[in-house]
Protein backbone atom coordinates (compact mmCIF):
# COMPACT_ATOMS: atom_id res chain seq x y z
CA MET A 1 127.63 113.62 127.95
CA PHE A 2 124.45 111.95 126.92
CA GLY A 3 123.69 108.62 128.26
CA GLY A 4 126.52 106.35 129.40
CA GLY A 5 126.59 102.49 129.35
CA GLY A 6 126.11 102.50 133.17
CA GLY A 7 122.90 104.42 132.61
CA GLY A 8 121.40 101.60 130.46
CA GLY A 9 121.26 103.95 127.65
CA LYS A 10 118.71 106.32 128.99
CA ALA A 11 118.82 109.85 127.45
CA VAL A 12 120.17 112.61 129.53
CA ASN A 13 118.13 115.65 128.29
CA PRO A 14 120.05 118.91 127.76
CA PRO A 15 119.07 121.86 130.04
CA LYS A 16 115.80 123.47 129.34
CA PRO A 17 116.13 126.41 126.96
CA ILE A 18 116.04 130.01 128.27
CA GLN A 19 113.06 131.66 126.73
CA ILE A 20 112.53 135.60 127.26
CA ASP A 21 108.97 136.61 128.28
CA ILE A 22 108.41 139.19 125.43
CA ASN A 23 105.28 140.74 126.66
CA LYS A 24 106.81 141.30 130.23
CA MET A 25 109.97 142.79 128.52
CA ALA A 26 107.97 145.18 126.58
CA ASN A 27 106.07 146.43 129.55
CA ASP A 28 109.25 146.66 131.54
CA MET A 29 110.91 148.74 128.69
CA LEU A 30 107.92 150.96 128.51
CA ALA A 31 107.75 151.63 132.07
CA GLY A 32 111.66 152.32 132.16
CA ASP A 33 111.38 154.74 129.12
CA THR A 34 108.26 156.45 130.63
CA ALA A 35 110.10 157.18 133.99
CA ALA A 36 113.33 158.21 132.27
CA TYR A 37 111.52 160.86 130.11
CA ASN A 38 109.36 162.09 132.98
CA ALA A 39 112.51 162.53 135.27
CA GLY A 40 114.19 164.51 132.30
CA ASP A 41 111.24 166.77 131.90
CA ALA A 42 111.12 167.30 135.51
CA TYR A 43 114.71 168.15 135.74
CA MET A 44 114.43 170.55 132.69
CA SER A 45 111.33 172.38 134.05
CA GLN A 46 113.11 172.72 137.56
CA PHE A 47 116.51 174.16 136.41
CA TYR A 48 115.94 175.49 132.86
CA PRO A 49 112.37 176.89 132.96
CA ASP A 50 112.94 179.59 130.40
CA LEU A 51 114.12 176.88 127.93
CA THR A 52 111.31 174.68 128.49
CA GLN A 53 108.75 177.77 128.17
CA GLY A 54 110.61 178.58 124.89
CA ARG A 55 110.33 175.07 123.47
CA ASN A 56 106.73 174.91 124.13
CA LEU A 57 106.13 178.15 122.68
CA ALA A 58 107.88 177.52 119.61
CA ILE A 59 106.18 174.14 118.92
CA GLU A 60 102.80 176.02 119.77
CA GLN A 61 103.31 178.91 117.25
CA ALA A 62 104.36 176.35 114.56
CA TYR A 63 101.25 174.15 115.13
CA GLN A 64 98.92 177.11 115.04
CA GLY A 65 100.50 178.34 111.98
CA VAL A 66 99.99 174.88 110.11
CA THR A 67 96.46 174.42 111.54
CA GLY A 68 94.97 177.83 112.16
CA PRO A 69 94.44 181.04 109.85
CA PRO A 70 97.32 183.35 109.54
CA PRO A 71 97.07 186.39 112.11
CA PRO A 72 94.95 189.33 111.01
CA GLU A 73 97.90 191.54 110.68
CA LEU A 74 99.67 188.97 108.41
CA GLU A 75 96.54 188.70 106.40
CA ASN A 76 96.22 192.44 105.77
CA ALA A 77 100.08 192.33 104.79
CA PHE A 78 99.25 189.61 102.26
CA VAL A 79 96.43 191.67 100.85
CA ASN A 80 98.14 194.77 100.47
CA ASN A 81 101.26 193.26 98.80
CA ALA A 82 98.88 191.47 96.45
CA ASN A 83 97.09 194.56 95.50
CA MET A 84 100.01 196.69 95.14
CA GLY A 85 101.79 194.01 92.76
CA ALA A 86 98.58 193.44 90.79
CA ALA A 87 97.75 197.09 90.34
CA SER A 88 101.29 197.91 89.17
CA SER A 89 101.19 195.15 86.55
CA LEU A 90 97.49 195.01 85.52
CA GLY A 91 95.72 198.30 86.64
CA GLY A 92 93.43 198.74 89.41
CA GLY A 93 90.11 197.60 87.97
CA ASP A 94 86.54 198.57 89.31
CA GLN A 95 86.88 198.29 93.19
CA SER A 96 83.13 197.84 93.45
CA PHE A 97 82.26 194.88 91.36
CA GLY A 98 85.61 193.72 90.00
CA LEU A 99 84.32 194.16 86.46
CA GLY A 100 85.60 196.04 83.53
CA THR A 101 89.06 197.37 82.97
CA GLY A 102 91.49 195.86 85.39
CA SER A 103 89.22 193.25 86.86
CA LEU A 104 92.00 190.77 85.86
CA ALA A 105 94.18 192.62 88.40
CA ARG A 106 91.71 191.75 91.18
CA ARG A 107 91.69 188.14 90.42
CA SER A 108 95.48 188.18 90.27
CA ALA A 109 95.45 189.67 93.71
CA ALA A 110 93.27 187.14 94.94
CA ALA A 111 95.38 184.48 93.71
CA SER A 112 98.44 186.15 95.24
CA VAL A 113 96.94 186.21 98.59
CA ALA A 114 95.99 182.46 98.49
CA SER A 115 99.69 181.83 97.33
CA GLN A 116 101.02 183.83 100.03
CA GLY A 117 98.68 182.02 102.45
CA GLN A 118 99.92 178.57 101.19
CA ASN A 119 103.52 179.67 101.42
CA PHE A 120 102.90 180.65 105.10
CA GLU A 121 101.36 177.20 105.84
CA ASP A 122 104.35 175.64 104.09
CA TYR A 123 106.90 177.71 106.16
CA ASN A 124 105.10 176.72 109.37
CA ARG A 125 105.07 173.01 108.43
CA SER A 126 108.70 173.28 107.76
CA VAL A 127 109.21 174.85 111.25
CA MET A 128 107.06 172.24 112.69
CA GLU A 129 109.31 169.46 111.25
CA ASN A 130 112.31 171.06 112.45
CA GLU A 131 110.93 171.28 115.98
CA ASN A 132 110.01 167.73 115.72
CA ALA A 133 113.64 166.91 114.89
CA MET A 134 115.00 168.92 117.56
CA TYR A 135 112.42 167.55 120.25
CA ALA A 136 111.83 164.42 118.63
CA PRO A 137 108.35 162.84 119.70
CA ARG A 138 108.87 160.16 122.36
CA SER A 139 109.23 156.55 121.35
CA PHE A 140 108.26 154.54 124.36
CA GLY A 141 109.13 150.82 124.91
CA MET A 142 110.07 148.07 122.51
CA THR A 143 110.81 148.81 119.25
CA PRO A 144 109.83 146.42 116.26
CA GLU A 145 113.70 145.67 115.97
CA ASP A 146 113.75 144.75 119.69
CA ALA A 147 110.78 142.59 119.25
CA ALA A 148 112.44 140.76 116.24
CA ASN A 149 115.68 140.26 118.16
CA PHE A 150 113.99 138.67 121.19
CA PHE A 151 111.92 136.29 118.81
CA THR A 152 114.88 135.39 117.28
CA PHE A 153 116.68 134.64 120.42
CA ASN A 154 113.82 132.54 121.76
CA ASN A 155 113.56 130.70 118.45
CA THR A 156 117.27 129.77 118.27
CA GLN A 157 117.43 128.68 121.95
CA MET A 158 114.62 126.31 121.30
CA ASN A 159 115.82 125.07 118.09
CA ASN A 160 119.11 124.37 119.76
CA TYR A 161 117.61 122.51 122.64
CA LEU A 162 115.40 120.28 120.44
CA GLN A 163 118.60 119.48 118.38
CA GLN A 164 120.32 118.27 121.57
CA LYS A 165 117.67 116.60 122.85
CA PHE A 166 117.29 114.56 119.51
CA ALA A 167 120.94 113.94 119.49
CA ALA A 168 120.69 112.45 123.00
CA GLU A 169 117.81 110.36 122.35
CA THR A 170 119.37 109.02 119.23
CA GLN A 171 122.52 108.24 121.15
CA ALA A 172 120.60 106.36 123.83
CA TYR A 173 118.74 104.39 121.20
CA TYR A 174 121.77 103.09 119.48
CA GLN A 175 123.46 102.21 122.87
CA ASN A 176 120.30 100.18 123.77
CA GLN A 177 120.62 98.45 120.52
CA ALA A 178 124.28 97.61 121.19
CA SER A 179 123.55 96.57 124.70
CA GLY A 180 120.79 94.19 123.43
CA GLN A 181 123.11 92.76 120.67
CA ALA A 182 125.94 92.21 123.27
CA ALA A 183 123.46 90.47 125.61
CA GLY A 184 122.22 88.32 122.90
CA ALA A 185 125.55 87.29 121.86
CA SER A 186 126.58 86.51 125.50
CA THR A 187 123.68 84.45 126.04
CA ILE A 188 124.02 82.44 122.87
CA GLY A 189 127.78 81.94 123.74
CA LEU A 190 126.78 80.71 127.15
CA ILE A 191 124.31 78.28 125.74
CA THR A 192 126.82 77.05 123.35
CA SER A 193 129.46 76.46 125.93
CA ILE A 194 126.91 74.56 128.11
CA LEU A 195 125.75 72.22 125.04
CA GLY A 196 129.46 71.62 124.20
CA ALA A 197 130.17 70.44 127.83
CA ALA A 198 127.18 68.22 127.72
CA ALA A 199 128.19 66.67 124.61
CA THR A 200 131.79 66.11 125.79
CA ALA A 201 130.35 64.48 128.95
CA TYR A 202 128.61 61.92 126.91
């Protein structure tokens, strides 16, 4: 395959390796994903508008629950619940200044309101995570795993090419050496035969 005797020992290089243009591949994958997601969104909005609206509303409500204050009605419910619980356990206290008998109840109620507010945020955060799991955020284009696979492919192809090229050049080198030795031996034999014929003549 690599350099025959008829070629004078000249190395025949293997075909150039296939190399993927990773940047172009990443751009093509990004464009393909974007187009596919856009087409899916357009289809859903056109044929299932209520589902689309419900999905968007659920995500918006969960986001507001995590980032914004609770609705006023819910805050009032938190306060009433906290006051009733604290009053039944510790007494009402002084409603004007929170001092004297039962002031501990007011502090307990305040802590209860804060705790309920935190629980409400935790609940909405859980809902938001579930919404993300159901309607996963878009991942466009090439993943790190894709990039690693393409890089490995390019590297493997280049290594194979270099190894084959080295083998071809090595084989050509030794063929040249052998050809040179054979030519030298032939020349020496010819000279010897001429000298022998000359000596015989005399």
